[in-house]
Amino acid sequence: MTTPTQPPDEGFNEKGRGSERNVAGVHRSVLREQPEPHAGTEPVPLWLLAIFLSIIFLAGLYLANNSGGFRADVFDPSLSAGAAGDAAAQAGPVDPKVIGRRVYTQNCIVCHQATGLGIPRQFPPLAGSEWVQGEDWHGDNHLVKILLNGLQGPVQVKGNTFNNAMPTWSMLTDEQTAAVLTYIRSEWGNAAAPISAGYVKAIRAQAAGRTEPWKSKDLQDIPAEKSPAEPPPSPSPSPPA
């Protein structure tokens, strides 16, 4: 009896179909896998996004409140810098003590301190100083000369000796010099008369050729003077309606 034999290509085809099924399964498993993560592809954190949005909101709020009062189609000249300057001019002259405080803060506060007490054994006090208030042999002219030309060598202030150097402040204008002297003569309990810009100008002209700082003994040889009282400024006329 003859046993039927399987065609040779059937086994091959069955084996081939099995290999195809295995390859397809491998492909499906590969496709199911997620790609390897790498830098730059991660999502932006929500907290960082919230910070960005907050910054944008605050920037817009700031611009809305500080835009200078203008839009692309409207301009308000009353809010411009020039109009602000005109308004300040109409308000009247600035108090010399305001200018003096600014000059003192920018140039004098390091040595003489905000309290006017100076630094012990280094820089003399201005509060209660006979030099500042024009007491004893000290005159207003001496105080102006010190500011214009500086001071060096030992000096007696309120019974204490200081031996340091004060630089010249001749670069200040007459108005600034008068303002800062007026300021220190009316602060920290001092109650001396103000110094006028005209008086500073006169003292500057007297010492125009001097290049060296003053010494205490040299100033003592100069007779003391008082700054003449400056007449109050006349009121400016009212602008026409």
Protein backbone atom coordinates (compact mmCIF):
# COMPACT_ATOMS: atom_id res chain seq x y z
CA MET A 1 0.00 0.00 0.00
CA THR A 2 1.42 3.22 -1.02
CA THR A 3 1.45 5.97 1.62
CA PRO A 4 0.66 9.33 0.24
CA THR A 5 3.49 11.71 0.67
CA GLN A 6 3.16 15.40 1.42
CA PRO A 7 4.26 17.60 -1.36
CA PRO A 8 7.67 18.93 -0.62
CA ASP A 9 6.61 22.54 -0.91
CA GLU A 10 3.84 22.31 1.69
CA GLY A 11 6.22 21.84 4.61
CA PHE A 12 8.31 24.69 3.31
CA ASN A 13 5.27 26.91 2.93
CA GLU A 14 4.06 26.07 6.41
CA LYS A 15 7.46 26.85 7.80
CA GLY A 16 7.54 30.05 5.82
CA ARG A 17 4.16 31.08 7.10
CA GLY A 18 5.35 30.46 10.67
CA SER A 19 8.39 32.65 10.11
CA GLU A 20 6.17 35.40 8.71
CA ARG A 21 3.97 35.21 11.80
CA ASN A 22 7.04 35.46 14.06
CA VAL A 23 8.39 38.48 12.19
CA ALA A 24 5.02 40.27 12.34
CA GLY A 25 4.83 39.62 16.08
CA VAL A 26 8.26 41.05 16.60
CA HIS A 27 7.30 44.16 14.62
CA ARG A 28 4.14 44.63 16.66
CA SER A 29 6.07 44.41 19.94
CA VAL A 30 8.63 46.90 18.66
CA LEU A 31 5.90 49.34 17.61
CA ARG A 32 4.33 49.11 21.05
CA GLU A 33 7.54 50.28 22.72
CA GLN A 34 8.02 54.00 23.47
CA PRO A 35 11.03 55.73 22.01
CA GLU A 36 13.97 56.41 24.28
CA PRO A 37 13.60 59.85 25.95
CA HIS A 38 16.24 62.48 25.27
CA ALA A 39 16.84 66.09 26.35
CA GLY A 40 14.59 68.69 24.77
CA THR A 41 11.52 66.56 24.27
CA GLU A 42 10.12 66.64 27.80
CA PRO A 43 6.99 68.80 28.33
CA VAL A 44 7.22 72.22 30.03
CA PRO A 45 6.38 71.95 33.76
CA LEU A 46 3.13 73.58 34.75
CA TRP A 47 4.77 75.63 37.51
CA LEU A 48 7.24 77.15 35.03
CA LEU A 49 4.41 77.94 32.63
CA ALA A 50 2.51 79.61 35.47
CA ILE A 51 5.56 81.79 36.26
CA PHE A 52 5.87 82.90 32.64
CA LEU A 53 2.20 83.82 32.48
CA SER A 54 2.45 85.74 35.77
CA ILE A 55 5.44 87.73 34.48
CA ILE A 56 3.59 88.61 31.29
CA PHE A 57 0.54 89.68 33.29
CA LEU A 58 2.58 91.83 35.68
CA ALA A 59 4.50 93.42 32.81
CA GLY A 60 1.27 94.33 31.09
CA LEU A 61 -0.13 95.74 34.33
CA TYR A 62 3.02 97.83 34.85
CA LEU A 63 2.91 99.22 31.33
CA ALA A 64 -0.77 100.03 31.71
CA ASN A 65 -0.14 102.00 34.90
CA ASN A 66 3.10 103.68 33.78
CA SER A 67 2.55 104.36 30.11
CA GLY A 68 3.08 108.11 30.47
CA GLY A 69 -0.54 108.89 29.70
CA PHE A 70 -0.41 108.40 25.94
CA ARG A 71 -1.80 106.07 23.34
CA ALA A 72 -1.00 105.71 19.68
CA ASP A 73 -3.72 108.21 18.78
CA VAL A 74 -3.80 110.45 21.88
CA PHE A 75 -1.04 112.37 23.69
CA ASP A 76 -1.56 114.27 26.94
CA PRO A 77 1.05 117.06 27.14
CA SER A 78 0.16 117.77 30.77
CA LEU A 79 1.93 114.55 31.75
CA SER A 80 5.13 115.21 29.80
CA ALA A 81 8.46 116.01 31.47
CA GLY A 82 8.39 119.57 30.16
CA ALA A 83 5.00 120.25 31.64
CA ALA A 84 6.14 118.78 34.94
CA GLY A 85 9.11 121.14 34.91
CA ASP A 86 6.84 124.09 34.17
CA ALA A 87 4.59 123.11 37.06
CA ALA A 88 7.60 122.91 39.38
CA ALA A 89 8.76 126.34 38.25
CA GLN A 90 5.33 127.80 38.92
CA ALA A 91 5.31 126.26 42.39
CA GLY A 92 8.24 128.49 43.40
CA PRO A 93 11.95 128.07 44.24
CA VAL A 94 13.17 124.91 45.91
CA ASP A 95 13.92 125.13 49.62
CA PRO A 96 17.72 125.49 50.04
CA LYS A 97 17.61 122.95 52.85
CA VAL A 98 16.28 120.36 50.41
CA ILE A 99 19.23 121.01 48.11
CA GLY A 100 21.58 121.09 51.10
CA ARG A 101 20.36 117.74 52.36
CA ARG A 102 20.97 116.22 48.93
CA VAL A 103 24.49 117.66 48.72
CA TYR A 104 25.27 116.51 52.25
CA THR A 105 24.04 112.99 51.55
CA GLN A 106 26.10 112.73 48.38
CA ASN A 107 29.36 114.20 49.67
CA CYS A 108 29.58 114.63 53.46
CA ILE A 109 27.68 111.80 55.10
CA VAL A 110 30.53 109.28 54.90
CA CYS A 111 32.74 111.28 57.29
CA HIS A 112 30.28 113.30 59.35
CA GLN A 113 27.52 110.65 59.37
CA ALA A 114 23.77 111.07 59.00
CA THR A 115 23.51 112.10 62.66
CA GLY A 116 26.10 114.87 62.28
CA LEU A 117 28.16 113.29 65.09
CA GLY A 118 31.14 112.38 62.93
CA ILE A 119 33.46 109.49 63.76
CA PRO A 120 35.28 109.62 67.11
CA ARG A 121 39.01 110.42 66.85
CA GLN A 122 38.74 110.60 63.04
CA PHE A 123 36.20 113.13 61.76
CA PRO A 124 34.75 115.93 63.90
CA PRO A 125 31.05 116.32 64.64
CA LEU A 126 28.92 119.00 63.06
CA ALA A 127 26.15 118.81 65.64
CA GLY A 128 26.83 121.47 68.25
CA SER A 129 30.13 122.41 66.59
CA GLU A 130 31.41 125.92 67.25
CA TRP A 131 32.79 125.94 63.71
CA VAL A 132 29.37 125.31 62.21
CA GLN A 133 27.44 127.71 64.44
CA GLY A 134 29.98 130.54 64.33
CA GLU A 135 30.73 130.58 68.07
CA ASP A 136 33.80 131.80 69.92
CA TRP A 137 36.37 133.11 67.39
CA HIS A 138 34.87 131.11 64.51
CA GLY A 139 33.09 133.10 61.83
CA ASP A 140 30.82 132.28 58.93
CA ASN A 141 33.65 133.27 56.63
CA HIS A 142 35.87 130.60 58.18
CA LEU A 143 33.23 127.96 57.51
CA VAL A 144 32.87 128.97 53.87
CA LYS A 145 36.65 129.07 53.39
CA ILE A 146 36.97 125.52 54.74
CA LEU A 147 34.42 124.23 52.26
CA LEU A 148 36.03 126.06 49.34
CA ASN A 149 39.68 125.17 50.05
CA GLY A 150 39.64 122.29 52.54
CA LEU A 151 41.23 121.93 55.98
CA GLN A 152 44.25 120.01 57.24
CA GLY A 153 46.20 119.61 60.46
CA PRO A 154 45.00 119.45 64.05
CA VAL A 155 41.71 121.15 64.87
CA GLN A 156 39.76 121.54 68.09
CA VAL A 157 36.04 120.76 67.99
CA LYS A 158 33.94 120.65 71.18
CA GLY A 159 37.06 120.15 73.31
CA ASN A 160 38.40 117.24 71.25
CA THR A 161 41.35 117.26 68.88
CA PHE A 162 41.05 115.86 65.37
CA ASN A 163 43.98 115.59 63.01
CA ASN A 164 42.68 114.63 59.61
CA ALA A 165 42.28 116.27 56.22
CA MET A 166 39.11 117.65 54.70
CA PRO A 167 39.21 117.92 50.90
CA THR A 168 38.19 120.95 48.94
CA TRP A 169 34.63 121.19 47.69
CA SER A 170 35.25 124.11 45.36
CA MET A 171 33.57 122.18 42.55
CA LEU A 172 30.19 122.89 44.17
CA THR A 173 28.33 125.93 42.89
CA ASP A 174 27.73 128.94 45.11
CA GLU A 175 24.10 127.86 45.51
CA GLN A 176 25.06 124.30 46.47
CA THR A 177 27.70 125.50 48.93
CA ALA A 178 25.29 127.92 50.56
CA ALA A 179 22.58 125.26 50.68
CA VAL A 180 24.69 122.59 52.37
CA LEU A 181 26.05 125.09 54.90
CA THR A 182 22.53 126.30 55.63
CA TYR A 183 21.48 122.68 56.07
CA ILE A 184 24.17 121.75 58.61
CA ARG A 185 23.61 125.02 60.52
CA SER A 186 19.95 124.13 61.07
CA GLU A 187 20.12 120.36 61.69
CA TRP A 188 20.85 118.18 64.76
CA GLY A 189 19.95 120.98 67.17
CA ASN A 190 22.02 123.65 65.42
CA ALA A 191 20.30 127.01 65.14
CA ALA A 192 22.59 129.32 63.18
CA ALA A 193 21.54 131.74 60.47
CA PRO A 194 21.53 130.57 56.84
CA ILE A 195 24.41 131.25 54.47
CA SER A 196 23.54 133.06 51.25
CA ALA A 197 24.86 132.19 47.81
CA GLY A 198 25.96 135.80 47.38
CA TYR A 199 28.14 135.57 50.48
CA VAL A 200 29.73 132.35 49.22
CA LYS A 201 30.47 134.07 45.92
CA ALA A 202 32.19 136.95 47.73
CA ILE A 203 34.36 134.61 49.84
CA ARG A 204 35.25 132.59 46.75
CA ALA A 205 36.47 135.76 45.06
CA GLN A 206 38.64 136.62 48.07
CA ALA A 207 40.42 133.25 47.97
CA ALA A 208 40.55 132.93 44.19
CA GLY A 209 44.34 132.48 44.11
CA ARG A 210 44.63 130.05 47.03
CA THR A 211 45.52 126.45 46.23
CA GLU A 212 46.43 125.04 49.66
CA PRO A 213 44.04 123.81 52.35
CA TRP A 214 43.51 126.03 55.37
CA LYS A 215 44.96 125.31 58.81
CA SER A 216 43.22 126.14 62.04
CA LYS A 217 45.84 128.68 63.14
CA ASP A 218 45.65 130.45 59.75
CA LEU A 219 41.91 130.84 60.01
CA GLN A 220 42.19 132.14 63.56
CA ASP A 221 44.29 135.02 62.27
CA ILE A 222 41.43 136.09 59.97
CA PRO A 223 38.78 138.25 61.69
CA ALA A 224 35.45 136.51 62.04
CA GLU A 225 32.53 137.65 59.91
CA LYS A 226 28.84 136.94 59.89
CA SER A 227 26.98 136.16 56.69
CA PRO A 228 24.68 139.07 55.88
CA ALA A 229 21.02 138.25 55.94
CA GLU A 230 19.64 137.66 52.47
CA PRO A 231 16.41 139.53 51.70
CA PRO A 232 13.45 137.26 51.08
CA PRO A 233 12.67 136.70 47.40
CA SER A 234 9.95 138.89 46.00
CA PRO A 235 6.80 137.01 45.04
CA SER A 236 6.58 136.23 41.36
CA PRO A 237 3.73 137.92 39.51
CA SER A 238 0.68 135.84 38.84
CA PRO A 239 0.41 134.60 35.26
CA PRO A 240 -2.28 136.26 33.18
CA ALA A 241 -5.56 134.44 32.96
